[in-house]
Amino acid sequence: MQEESEASTTDELKRANAQLSGYIKGAMALKTKLTKQVGWLEHMSAYAMLGVPKDASNAELKRAYREMAIKVHPDKGGDADQFQELQVRA
């Protein structure tokens, strides 16, 4: 009787473990997807901050960044917080 009870408990534990493993795999896949989306959004927001289209050339990006840096630089009368944000995003 005890062996049958232990076998039943072992089977239940194996099923629970398999379910948990599936859940963990799904959660990890979701985390990966969300991390990629956050990165994409941060990248896109840099374009918006600079006021350039997402297909802007490197030269356009460089020019827009320099113009914005001069505009918001604290030594040029700009806002220190905006300048910091520009450094982080762009």
PDB file of N, CA and C in Angstrom:
ATOM      1  N   MET A   1       0.797  -1.180   0.000  1.00  0.00           N
ATOM      2  CA  MET A   1       0.000   0.000   0.000  1.00  0.00           C
ATOM      3  C   MET A   1       0.855   1.266   0.000  1.00  0.00           C
ATOM      4  N   GLN A   2       1.913   1.314   0.794  1.00  0.00           N
ATOM      5  CA  GLN A   2       2.779   2.482   0.900  1.00  0.00           C
ATOM      6  C   GLN A   2       3.525   2.700  -0.416  1.00  0.00           C
ATOM      7  N   GLU A   3       3.967   1.618  -1.079  1.00  0.00           N
ATOM      8  CA  GLU A   3       4.678   1.743  -2.354  1.00  0.00           C
ATOM      9  C   GLU A   3       3.775   2.353  -3.409  1.00  0.00           C
ATOM     10  N   GLU A   4       2.506   1.965  -3.410  1.00  0.00           N
ATOM     11  CA  GLU A   4       1.551   2.503  -4.367  1.00  0.00           C
ATOM     12  C   GLU A   4       1.326   4.000  -4.113  1.00  0.00           C
ATOM     13  N   SER A   5       1.271   4.390  -2.860  1.00  0.00           N
ATOM     14  CA  SER A   5       1.087   5.785  -2.484  1.00  0.00           C
ATOM     15  C   SER A   5       2.303   6.621  -2.885  1.00  0.00           C
ATOM     16  N   GLU A   6       3.502   6.077  -2.688  1.00  0.00           N
ATOM     17  CA  GLU A   6       4.735   6.776  -3.069  1.00  0.00           C
ATOM     18  C   GLU A   6       4.834   6.916  -4.583  1.00  0.00           C
ATOM     19  N   ALA A   7       4.429   5.895  -5.323  1.00  0.00           N
ATOM     20  CA  ALA A   7       4.464   5.953  -6.782  1.00  0.00           C
ATOM     21  C   ALA A   7       3.503   7.027  -7.288  1.00  0.00           C
ATOM     22  N   SER A   8       2.324   7.094  -6.668  1.00  0.00           N
ATOM     23  CA  SER A   8       1.344   8.105  -7.032  1.00  0.00           C
ATOM     24  C   SER A   8       1.887   9.504  -6.770  1.00  0.00           C
ATOM     25  N   THR A   9       2.510   9.695  -5.627  1.00  0.00           N
ATOM     26  CA  THR A   9       3.094  10.990  -5.283  1.00  0.00           C
ATOM     27  C   THR A   9       4.232  11.343  -6.238  1.00  0.00           C
ATOM     28  N   THR A  10       5.031  10.362  -6.586  1.00  0.00           N
ATOM     29  CA  THR A  10       6.135  10.591  -7.522  1.00  0.00           C
ATOM     30  C   THR A  10       5.602  11.009  -8.883  1.00  0.00           C
ATOM     31  N   ASP A  11       4.568  10.354  -9.373  1.00  0.00           N
ATOM     32  CA  ASP A  11       3.970  10.718 -10.667  1.00  0.00           C
ATOM     33  C   ASP A  11       3.395  12.132 -10.622  1.00  0.00           C
ATOM     34  N   GLU A  12       2.746  12.485  -9.518  1.00  0.00           N
ATOM     35  CA  GLU A  12       2.195  13.824  -9.374  1.00  0.00           C
ATOM     36  C   GLU A  12       3.297  14.877  -9.383  1.00  0.00           C
ATOM     37  N   LEU A  13       4.392  14.578  -8.707  1.00  0.00           N
ATOM     38  CA  LEU A  13       5.525  15.503  -8.686  1.00  0.00           C
ATOM     39  C   LEU A  13       6.142  15.663 -10.066  1.00  0.00           C
ATOM     40  N   LYS A  14       6.242  14.574 -10.799  1.00  0.00           N
ATOM     41  CA  LYS A  14       6.798  14.644 -12.161  1.00  0.00           C
ATOM     42  C   LYS A  14       5.905  15.493 -13.060  1.00  0.00           C
ATOM     43  N   ARG A  15       4.572  15.304 -12.957  1.00  0.00           N
ATOM     44  CA  ARG A  15       3.650  16.103 -13.764  1.00  0.00           C
ATOM     45  C   ARG A  15       3.753  17.587 -13.377  1.00  0.00           C
ATOM     46  N   ALA A  16       3.798  17.852 -12.093  1.00  0.00           N
ATOM     47  CA  ALA A  16       3.909  19.239 -11.635  1.00  0.00           C
ATOM     48  C   ALA A  16       5.217  19.867 -12.114  1.00  0.00           C
ATOM     49  N   ASN A  17       6.283  19.093 -12.088  1.00  0.00           N
ATOM     50  CA  ASN A  17       7.585  19.581 -12.546  1.00  0.00           C
ATOM     51  C   ASN A  17       7.545  19.895 -14.041  1.00  0.00           C
ATOM     52  N   ALA A  18       6.903  19.012 -14.815  1.00  0.00           N
ATOM     53  CA  ALA A  18       6.794  19.240 -16.260  1.00  0.00           C
ATOM     54  C   ALA A  18       5.978  20.501 -16.543  1.00  0.00           C
ATOM     55  N   GLN A  19       4.890  20.698 -15.800  1.00  0.00           N
ATOM     56  CA  GLN A  19       4.073  21.901 -15.977  1.00  0.00           C
ATOM     57  C   GLN A  19       4.865  23.153 -15.623  1.00  0.00           C
ATOM     58  N   LEU A  20       5.600  23.088 -14.552  1.00  0.00           N
ATOM     59  CA  LEU A  20       6.399  24.230 -14.128  1.00  0.00           C
ATOM     60  C   LEU A  20       7.493  24.538 -15.150  1.00  0.00           C
ATOM     61  N   SER A  21       8.104  23.502 -15.690  1.00  0.00           N
ATOM     62  CA  SER A  21       9.140  23.715 -16.711  1.00  0.00           C
ATOM     63  C   SER A  21       8.561  24.415 -17.933  1.00  0.00           C
ATOM     64  N   GLY A  22       7.364  24.008 -18.345  1.00  0.00           N
ATOM     65  CA  GLY A  22       6.704  24.664 -19.475  1.00  0.00           C
ATOM     66  C   GLY A  22       6.402  26.121 -19.178  1.00  0.00           C
ATOM     67  N   TYR A  23       5.937  26.389 -17.993  1.00  0.00           N
ATOM     68  CA  TYR A  23       5.648  27.756 -17.582  1.00  0.00           C
ATOM     69  C   TYR A  23       6.906  28.618 -17.599  1.00  0.00           C
ATOM     70  N   ILE A  24       7.991  28.070 -17.075  1.00  0.00           N
ATOM     71  CA  ILE A  24       9.256  28.822 -17.018  1.00  0.00           C
ATOM     72  C   ILE A  24       9.768  29.109 -18.426  1.00  0.00           C
ATOM     73  N   LYS A  25       9.679  28.126 -19.318  1.00  0.00           N
ATOM     74  CA  LYS A  25      10.122  28.350 -20.703  1.00  0.00           C
ATOM     75  C   LYS A  25       9.302  29.455 -21.360  1.00  0.00           C
ATOM     76  N   GLY A  26       8.006  29.439 -21.130  1.00  0.00           N
ATOM     77  CA  GLY A  26       7.141  30.476 -21.690  1.00  0.00           C
ATOM     78  C   GLY A  26       7.464  31.851 -21.125  1.00  0.00           C
ATOM     79  N   ALA A  27       7.714  31.912 -19.830  1.00  0.00           N
ATOM     80  CA  ALA A  27       8.051  33.180 -19.188  1.00  0.00           C
ATOM     81  C   ALA A  27       9.380  33.722 -19.717  1.00  0.00           C
ATOM     82  N   MET A  28      10.337  32.865 -19.919  1.00  0.00           N
ATOM     83  CA  MET A  28      11.637  33.303 -20.437  1.00  0.00           C
ATOM     84  C   MET A  28      11.508  33.807 -21.875  1.00  0.00           C
ATOM     85  N   ALA A  29      10.686  33.129 -22.679  1.00  0.00           N
ATOM     86  CA  ALA A  29      10.459  33.574 -24.055  1.00  0.00           C
ATOM     87  C   ALA A  29       9.789  34.944 -24.059  1.00  0.00           C
ATOM     88  N   LEU A  30       8.825  35.147 -23.173  1.00  0.00           N
ATOM     89  CA  LEU A  30       8.154  36.436 -23.072  1.00  0.00           C
ATOM     90  C   LEU A  30       9.125  37.525 -22.628  1.00  0.00           C
ATOM     91  N   LYS A  31       9.992  37.213 -21.686  1.00  0.00           N
ATOM     92  CA  LYS A  31      10.980  38.181 -21.219  1.00  0.00           C
ATOM     93  C   LYS A  31      11.897  38.601 -22.359  1.00  0.00           C
ATOM     94  N   THR A  32      12.340  37.644 -23.152  1.00  0.00           N
ATOM     95  CA  THR A  32      13.207  37.951 -24.290  1.00  0.00           C
ATOM     96  C   THR A  32      12.500  38.866 -25.281  1.00  0.00           C
ATOM     97  N   LYS A  33      11.249  38.549 -25.581  1.00  0.00           N
ATOM     98  CA  LYS A  33      10.480  39.358 -26.531  1.00  0.00           C
ATOM     99  C   LYS A  33      10.294  40.781 -25.999  1.00  0.00           C
ATOM    100  N   LEU A  34       9.939  40.908 -24.736  1.00  0.00           N
ATOM    101  CA  LEU A  34       9.728  42.233 -24.148  1.00  0.00           C
ATOM    102  C   LEU A  34      11.016  43.049 -24.090  1.00  0.00           C
ATOM    103  N   THR A  35      12.124  42.393 -23.795  1.00  0.00           N
ATOM    104  CA  THR A  35      13.416  43.080 -23.761  1.00  0.00           C
ATOM    105  C   THR A  35      13.752  43.651 -25.137  1.00  0.00           C
ATOM    106  N   LYS A  36      13.498  42.883 -26.180  1.00  0.00           N
ATOM    107  CA  LYS A  36      13.747  43.352 -27.549  1.00  0.00           C
ATOM    108  C   LYS A  36      12.845  44.532 -27.887  1.00  0.00           C
ATOM    109  N   GLN A  37      11.581  44.460 -27.482  1.00  0.00           N
ATOM    110  CA  GLN A  37      10.657  45.545 -27.770  1.00  0.00           C
ATOM    111  C   GLN A  37      11.044  46.825 -27.035  1.00  0.00           C
ATOM    112  N   VAL A  38      11.468  46.702 -25.798  1.00  0.00           N
ATOM    113  CA  VAL A  38      11.914  47.875 -25.039  1.00  0.00           C
ATOM    114  C   VAL A  38      13.123  48.507 -25.733  1.00  0.00           C
ATOM    115  N   GLY A  39      14.073  47.690 -26.166  1.00  0.00           N
ATOM    116  CA  GLY A  39      15.236  48.201 -26.884  1.00  0.00           C
ATOM    117  C   GLY A  39      14.836  48.933 -28.149  1.00  0.00           C
ATOM    118  N   TRP A  40      13.882  48.362 -28.880  1.00  0.00           N
ATOM    119  CA  TRP A  40      13.412  48.986 -30.116  1.00  0.00           C
ATOM    120  C   TRP A  40      12.753  50.325 -29.807  1.00  0.00           C
ATOM    121  N   LEU A  41      11.923  50.367 -28.765  1.00  0.00           N
ATOM    122  CA  LEU A  41      11.251  51.617 -28.405  1.00  0.00           C
ATOM    123  C   LEU A  41      12.251  52.688 -27.979  1.00  0.00           C
ATOM    124  N   GLU A  42      13.256  52.290 -27.221  1.00  0.00           N
ATOM    125  CA  GLU A  42      14.277  53.255 -26.812  1.00  0.00           C
ATOM    126  C   GLU A  42      15.028  53.778 -28.030  1.00  0.00           C
ATOM    127  N   HIS A  43      15.311  52.895 -28.970  1.00  0.00           N
ATOM    128  CA  HIS A  43      16.009  53.296 -30.194  1.00  0.00           C
ATOM    129  C   HIS A  43      15.149  54.265 -30.997  1.00  0.00           C
ATOM    130  N   MET A  44      13.871  53.950 -31.120  1.00  0.00           N
ATOM    131  CA  MET A  44      12.978  54.807 -31.895  1.00  0.00           C
ATOM    132  C   MET A  44      12.793  56.162 -31.218  1.00  0.00           C
ATOM    133  N   SER A  45      12.779  56.185 -29.906  1.00  0.00           N
ATOM    134  CA  SER A  45      12.574  57.452 -29.224  1.00  0.00           C
ATOM    135  C   SER A  45      13.768  58.391 -29.425  1.00  0.00           C
ATOM    136  N   ALA A  46      14.943  57.837 -29.665  1.00  0.00           N
ATOM    137  CA  ALA A  46      16.106  58.681 -29.951  1.00  0.00           C
ATOM    138  C   ALA A  46      15.895  59.415 -31.271  1.00  0.00           C
ATOM    139  N   TYR A  47      15.329  58.736 -32.261  1.00  0.00           N
ATOM    140  CA  TYR A  47      15.027  59.395 -33.532  1.00  0.00           C
ATOM    141  C   TYR A  47      14.016  60.523 -33.319  1.00  0.00           C
ATOM    142  N   ALA A  48      12.997  60.226 -32.519  1.00  0.00           N
ATOM    143  CA  ALA A  48      11.978  61.236 -32.260  1.00  0.00           C
ATOM    144  C   ALA A  48      12.584  62.435 -31.536  1.00  0.00           C
ATOM    145  N   MET A  49      13.450  62.176 -30.573  1.00  0.00           N
ATOM    146  CA  MET A  49      14.079  63.263 -29.818  1.00  0.00           C
ATOM    147  C   MET A  49      14.915  64.155 -30.733  1.00  0.00           C
ATOM    148  N   LEU A  50      15.586  63.546 -31.686  1.00  0.00           N
ATOM    149  CA  LEU A  50      16.419  64.321 -32.611  1.00  0.00           C
ATOM    150  C   LEU A  50      15.604  64.937 -33.740  1.00  0.00           C
ATOM    151  N   GLY A  51      14.354  64.499 -33.904  1.00  0.00           N
ATOM    152  CA  GLY A  51      13.495  65.046 -34.946  1.00  0.00           C
ATOM    153  C   GLY A  51      13.866  64.587 -36.340  1.00  0.00           C
ATOM    154  N   VAL A  52      14.363  63.378 -36.448  1.00  0.00           N
ATOM    155  CA  VAL A  52      14.726  62.832 -37.748  1.00  0.00           C
ATOM    156  C   VAL A  52      13.900  61.564 -38.001  1.00  0.00           C
ATOM    157  N   PRO A  53      13.697  61.229 -39.276  1.00  0.00           N
ATOM    158  CA  PRO A  53      12.963  59.997 -39.569  1.00  0.00           C
ATOM    159  C   PRO A  53      13.806  58.764 -39.226  1.00  0.00           C
ATOM    160  N   LYS A  54      13.129  57.642 -39.031  1.00  0.00           N
ATOM    161  CA  LYS A  54      13.847  56.427 -38.634  1.00  0.00           C
ATOM    162  C   LYS A  54      14.790  55.915 -39.718  1.00  0.00           C
ATOM    163  N   ASP A  55      14.609  56.369 -40.943  1.00  0.00           N
ATOM    164  CA  ASP A  55      15.514  55.939 -42.018  1.00  0.00           C
ATOM    165  C   ASP A  55      16.576  56.998 -42.330  1.00  0.00           C
ATOM    166  N   ALA A  56      16.836  57.886 -41.380  1.00  0.00           N
ATOM    167  CA  ALA A  56      17.831  58.946 -41.576  1.00  0.00           C
ATOM    168  C   ALA A  56      19.226  58.344 -41.748  1.00  0.00           C
ATOM    169  N   SER A  57      20.025  59.005 -42.553  1.00  0.00           N
ATOM    170  CA  SER A  57      21.399  58.548 -42.773  1.00  0.00           C
ATOM    171  C   SER A  57      22.255  58.864 -41.553  1.00  0.00           C
ATOM    172  N   ASN A  58      23.419  58.269 -41.510  1.00  0.00           N
ATOM    173  CA  ASN A  58      24.349  58.549 -40.414  1.00  0.00           C
ATOM    174  C   ASN A  58      24.720  60.027 -40.368  1.00  0.00           C
ATOM    175  N   ALA A  59      24.900  60.628 -41.531  1.00  0.00           N
ATOM    176  CA  ALA A  59      25.251  62.047 -41.589  1.00  0.00           C
ATOM    177  C   ALA A  59      24.117  62.906 -41.019  1.00  0.00           C
ATOM    178  N   GLU A  60      22.865  62.559 -41.355  1.00  0.00           N
ATOM    179  CA  GLU A  60      21.720  63.302 -40.831  1.00  0.00           C
ATOM    180  C   GLU A  60      21.615  63.145 -39.317  1.00  0.00           C
ATOM    181  N   LEU A  61      21.844  61.937 -38.836  1.00  0.00           N
ATOM    182  CA  LEU A  61      21.807  61.691 -37.395  1.00  0.00           C
ATOM    183  C   LEU A  61      22.878  62.494 -36.671  1.00  0.00           C
ATOM    184  N   LYS A  62      24.072  62.500 -37.229  1.00  0.00           N
ATOM    185  CA  LYS A  62      25.185  63.215 -36.617  1.00  0.00           C
ATOM    186  C   LYS A  62      24.893  64.716 -36.569  1.00  0.00           C
ATOM    187  N   ARG A  63      24.370  65.248 -37.671  1.00  0.00           N
ATOM    188  CA  ARG A  63      24.052  66.677 -37.736  1.00  0.00           C
ATOM    189  C   ARG A  63      22.955  67.027 -36.740  1.00  0.00           C
ATOM    190  N   ALA A  64      21.896  66.217 -36.691  1.00  0.00           N
ATOM    191  CA  ALA A  64      20.784  66.472 -35.774  1.00  0.00           C
ATOM    192  C   ALA A  64      21.242  66.385 -34.321  1.00  0.00           C
ATOM    193  N   TYR A  65      22.100  65.416 -34.026  1.00  0.00           N
ATOM    194  CA  TYR A  65      22.615  65.268 -32.667  1.00  0.00           C
ATOM    195  C   TYR A  65      23.431  66.501 -32.263  1.00  0.00           C
ATOM    196  N   ARG A  66      24.317  66.929 -33.153  1.00  0.00           N
ATOM    197  CA  ARG A  66      25.155  68.100 -32.830  1.00  0.00           C
ATOM    198  C   ARG A  66      24.312  69.347 -32.626  1.00  0.00           C
ATOM    199  N   GLU A  67      23.307  69.543 -33.485  1.00  0.00           N
ATOM    200  CA  GLU A  67      22.429  70.703 -33.347  1.00  0.00           C
ATOM    201  C   GLU A  67      21.677  70.668 -32.018  1.00  0.00           C
ATOM    202  N   MET A  68      21.173  69.498 -31.676  1.00  0.00           N
ATOM    203  CA  MET A  68      20.435  69.356 -30.422  1.00  0.00           C
ATOM    204  C   MET A  68      21.366  69.537 -29.223  1.00  0.00           C
ATOM    205  N   ALA A  69      22.570  68.999 -29.302  1.00  0.00           N
ATOM    206  CA  ALA A  69      23.526  69.114 -28.198  1.00  0.00           C
ATOM    207  C   ALA A  69      23.871  70.582 -27.943  1.00  0.00           C
ATOM    208  N   ILE A  70      24.063  71.335 -29.008  1.00  0.00           N
ATOM    209  CA  ILE A  70      24.356  72.766 -28.855  1.00  0.00           C
ATOM    210  C   ILE A  70      23.152  73.493 -28.264  1.00  0.00           C
ATOM    211  N   LYS A  71      21.966  73.139 -28.725  1.00  0.00           N
ATOM    212  CA  LYS A  71      20.740  73.792 -28.268  1.00  0.00           C
ATOM    213  C   LYS A  71      20.472  73.568 -26.777  1.00  0.00           C
ATOM    214  N   VAL A  72      20.727  72.353 -26.295  1.00  0.00           N
ATOM    215  CA  VAL A  72      20.370  72.038 -24.908  1.00  0.00           C
ATOM    216  C   VAL A  72      21.567  72.019 -23.957  1.00  0.00           C
ATOM    217  N   HIS A  73      22.771  72.301 -24.454  1.00  0.00           N
ATOM    218  CA  HIS A  73      23.956  72.255 -23.600  1.00  0.00           C
ATOM    219  C   HIS A  73      23.875  73.344 -22.530  1.00  0.00           C
ATOM    220  N   PRO A  74      24.122  72.974 -21.283  1.00  0.00           N
ATOM    221  CA  PRO A  74      24.032  73.963 -20.190  1.00  0.00           C
ATOM    222  C   PRO A  74      24.960  75.158 -20.360  1.00  0.00           C
ATOM    223  N   ASP A  75      26.122  74.963 -20.951  1.00  0.00           N
ATOM    224  CA  ASP A  75      27.055  76.071 -21.148  1.00  0.00           C
ATOM    225  C   ASP A  75      26.567  77.049 -22.215  1.00  0.00           C
ATOM    226  N   LYS A  76      25.590  76.625 -23.008  1.00  0.00           N
ATOM    227  CA  LYS A  76      25.047  77.474 -24.068  1.00  0.00           C
ATOM    228  C   LYS A  76      23.665  78.002 -23.691  1.00  0.00           C
ATOM    229  N   GLY A  77      23.317  77.887 -22.415  1.00  0.00           N
ATOM    230  CA  GLY A  77      22.029  78.395 -21.952  1.00  0.00           C
ATOM    231  C   GLY A  77      20.911  77.364 -22.002  1.00  0.00           C
ATOM    232  N   GLY A  78      21.251  76.118 -22.295  1.00  0.00           N
ATOM    233  CA  GLY A  78      20.234  75.067 -22.359  1.00  0.00           C
ATOM    234  C   GLY A  78      19.980  74.442 -20.999  1.00  0.00           C
ATOM    235  N   ASP A  79      19.149  73.451 -21.014  1.00  0.00           N
ATOM    236  CA  ASP A  79      18.735  72.769 -19.794  1.00  0.00           C
ATOM    237  C   ASP A  79      19.627  71.550 -19.545  1.00  0.00           C
ATOM    238  N   ALA A  80      20.174  71.460 -18.342  1.00  0.00           N
ATOM    239  CA  ALA A  80      21.084  70.358 -17.997  1.00  0.00           C
ATOM    240  C   ALA A  80      20.374  69.004 -18.057  1.00  0.00           C
ATOM    241  N   ASP A  81      19.106  68.957 -17.633  1.00  0.00           N
ATOM    242  CA  ASP A  81      18.368  67.692 -17.675  1.00  0.00           C
ATOM    243  C   ASP A  81      18.136  67.222 -19.106  1.00  0.00           C
ATOM    244  N   GLN A  82      17.786  68.143 -19.981  1.00  0.00           N
ATOM    245  CA  GLN A  82      17.599  67.784 -21.395  1.00  0.00           C
ATOM    246  C   GLN A  82      18.909  67.299 -22.001  1.00  0.00           C
ATOM    247  N   PHE A  83      19.996  67.966 -21.653  1.00  0.00           N
ATOM    248  CA  PHE A  83      21.295  67.556 -22.182  1.00  0.00           C
ATOM    249  C   PHE A  83      21.642  66.149 -21.698  1.00  0.00           C
ATOM    250  N   GLN A  84      21.381  65.878 -20.434  1.00  0.00           N
ATOM    251  CA  GLN A  84      21.626  64.535 -19.876  1.00  0.00           C
ATOM    252  C   GLN A  84      20.786  63.508 -20.606  1.00  0.00           C
ATOM    253  N   GLU A  85      19.533  63.803 -20.843  1.00  0.00           N
ATOM    254  CA  GLU A  85      18.634  62.884 -21.556  1.00  0.00           C
ATOM    255  C   GLU A  85      19.135  62.627 -22.975  1.00  0.00           C
ATOM    256  N   LEU A  86      19.630  63.649 -23.619  1.00  0.00           N
ATOM    257  CA  LEU A  86      20.190  63.490 -24.953  1.00  0.00           C
ATOM    258  C   LEU A  86      21.386  62.539 -24.923  1.00  0.00           C
ATOM    259  N   GLN A  87      22.212  62.667 -23.929  1.00  0.00           N
ATOM    260  CA  GLN A  87      23.384  61.800 -23.810  1.00  0.00           C
ATOM    261  C   GLN A  87      22.965  60.340 -23.605  1.00  0.00           C
ATOM    262  N   VAL A  88      21.903  60.118 -22.874  1.00  0.00           N
ATOM    263  CA  VAL A  88      21.441  58.760 -22.574  1.00  0.00           C
ATOM    264  C   VAL A  88      20.771  58.130 -23.786  1.00  0.00           C
ATOM    265  N   ARG A  89      19.934  58.869 -24.450  1.00  0.00           N
ATOM    266  CA  ARG A  89      19.124  58.304 -25.531  1.00  0.00           C
ATOM    267  C   ARG A  89      19.831  58.235 -26.877  1.00  0.00           C
ATOM    268  N   ALA A  90      20.614  59.217 -27.179  1.00  0.00           N
ATOM    269  CA  ALA A  90      21.195  59.275 -28.520  1.00  0.00           C
ATOM    270  C   ALA A  90      22.553  58.636 -28.604  1.00  0.00           C
TER     271      ALA A  90
END
